[in-house]
């Protein structure tokens, strides 16, 4: 498996599940409103910044 295939496989696992953390973005962000995702607390990064950066 070449590098680009390995990266693609890893990104699919992170988004759809099946990765070593047994967690995925799709399920964890389900039901999160854009207001919640863009709310900054104590000057820390927003959820939107962390997910899309």
C-alpha atoms as a PDB file:
ATOM      1  CA  UNK A   1       0.000   0.000   0.000  1.00  0.00           C
ATOM      2  CA  UNK A   2       1.485   3.351  -0.981  1.00  0.00           C
ATOM      3  CA  UNK A   3       1.527   6.463   1.211  1.00  0.00           C
ATOM      4  CA  UNK A   4      -1.497   8.189  -0.320  1.00  0.00           C
ATOM      5  CA  UNK A   5      -3.608   5.036   0.040  1.00  0.00           C
ATOM      6  CA  UNK A   6      -2.541   4.681   3.673  1.00  0.00           C
ATOM      7  CA  UNK A   7      -3.435   8.322   4.422  1.00  0.00           C
ATOM      8  CA  UNK A   8      -6.822   7.930   2.715  1.00  0.00           C
ATOM      9  CA  UNK A   9      -7.525   4.779   4.704  1.00  0.00           C
ATOM     10  CA  UNK A  10      -6.664   6.534   7.958  1.00  0.00           C
ATOM     11  CA  UNK A  11      -8.829   9.579   7.180  1.00  0.00           C
ATOM     12  CA  UNK A  12     -11.811   7.349   6.333  1.00  0.00           C
ATOM     13  CA  UNK A  13     -11.358   5.550   9.662  1.00  0.00           C
ATOM     14  CA  UNK A  14     -11.194   8.821  11.588  1.00  0.00           C
ATOM     15  CA  UNK A  15     -14.360  10.138   9.949  1.00  0.00           C
ATOM     16  CA  UNK A  16     -16.481   6.986   9.720  1.00  0.00           C
ATOM     17  CA  UNK A  17     -15.102   4.947  12.626  1.00  0.00           C
ATOM     18  CA  UNK A  18     -13.101   1.785  12.914  1.00  0.00           C
ATOM     19  CA  UNK A  19      -9.931   3.506  14.008  1.00  0.00           C
ATOM     20  CA  UNK A  20      -7.852   2.583  17.049  1.00  0.00           C
ATOM     21  CA  UNK A  21      -9.631   5.131  19.276  1.00  0.00           C
ATOM     22  CA  UNK A  22     -13.040   3.570  18.568  1.00  0.00           C
ATOM     23  CA  UNK A  23     -14.339   7.092  18.001  1.00  0.00           C
ATOM     24  CA  UNK A  24     -15.163   9.080  14.909  1.00  0.00           C
ATOM     25  CA  UNK A  25     -15.963  12.658  13.985  1.00  0.00           C
ATOM     26  CA  UNK A  26     -19.257  11.875  12.310  1.00  0.00           C
ATOM     27  CA  UNK A  27     -20.872  10.388  15.421  1.00  0.00           C
ATOM     28  CA  UNK A  28     -19.273  12.821  17.858  1.00  0.00           C
ATOM     29  CA  UNK A  29     -20.380  15.919  15.956  1.00  0.00           C
ATOM     30  CA  UNK A  30     -23.887  14.664  15.206  1.00  0.00           C
ATOM     31  CA  UNK A  31     -26.442  17.054  16.669  1.00  0.00           C
ATOM     32  CA  UNK A  32     -23.925  19.857  17.235  1.00  0.00           C
ATOM     33  CA  UNK A  33     -25.308  23.202  16.072  1.00  0.00           C
ATOM     34  CA  UNK A  34     -23.191  25.722  14.230  1.00  0.00           C
ATOM     35  CA  UNK A  35     -23.665  28.090  17.180  1.00  0.00           C
ATOM     36  CA  UNK A  36     -22.128  25.558  19.543  1.00  0.00           C
ATOM     37  CA  UNK A  37     -19.323  24.781  17.094  1.00  0.00           C
ATOM     38  CA  UNK A  38     -18.382  28.451  16.717  1.00  0.00           C
ATOM     39  CA  UNK A  39     -18.637  29.473  20.397  1.00  0.00           C
ATOM     40  CA  UNK A  40     -15.270  30.361  21.864  1.00  0.00           C
ATOM     41  CA  UNK A  41     -14.791  29.712  25.586  1.00  0.00           C
ATOM     42  CA  UNK A  42     -11.956  31.195  27.661  1.00  0.00           C
ATOM     43  CA  UNK A  43     -10.083  32.222  24.512  1.00  0.00           C
ATOM     44  CA  UNK A  44      -9.574  28.593  23.425  1.00  0.00           C
ATOM     45  CA  UNK A  45     -10.115  27.252  19.920  1.00  0.00           C
ATOM     46  CA  UNK A  46     -13.675  26.590  18.822  1.00  0.00           C
ATOM     47  CA  UNK A  47     -14.850  23.131  17.781  1.00  0.00           C
ATOM     48  CA  UNK A  48     -15.225  24.439  14.216  1.00  0.00           C
ATOM     49  CA  UNK A  49     -11.596  25.606  14.192  1.00  0.00           C
ATOM     50  CA  UNK A  50     -10.325  22.280  15.497  1.00  0.00           C
ATOM     51  CA  UNK A  51     -12.370  20.212  13.034  1.00  0.00           C
ATOM     52  CA  UNK A  52     -11.802  22.226   9.872  1.00  0.00           C
ATOM     53  CA  UNK A  53      -8.198  23.315  10.341  1.00  0.00           C
END
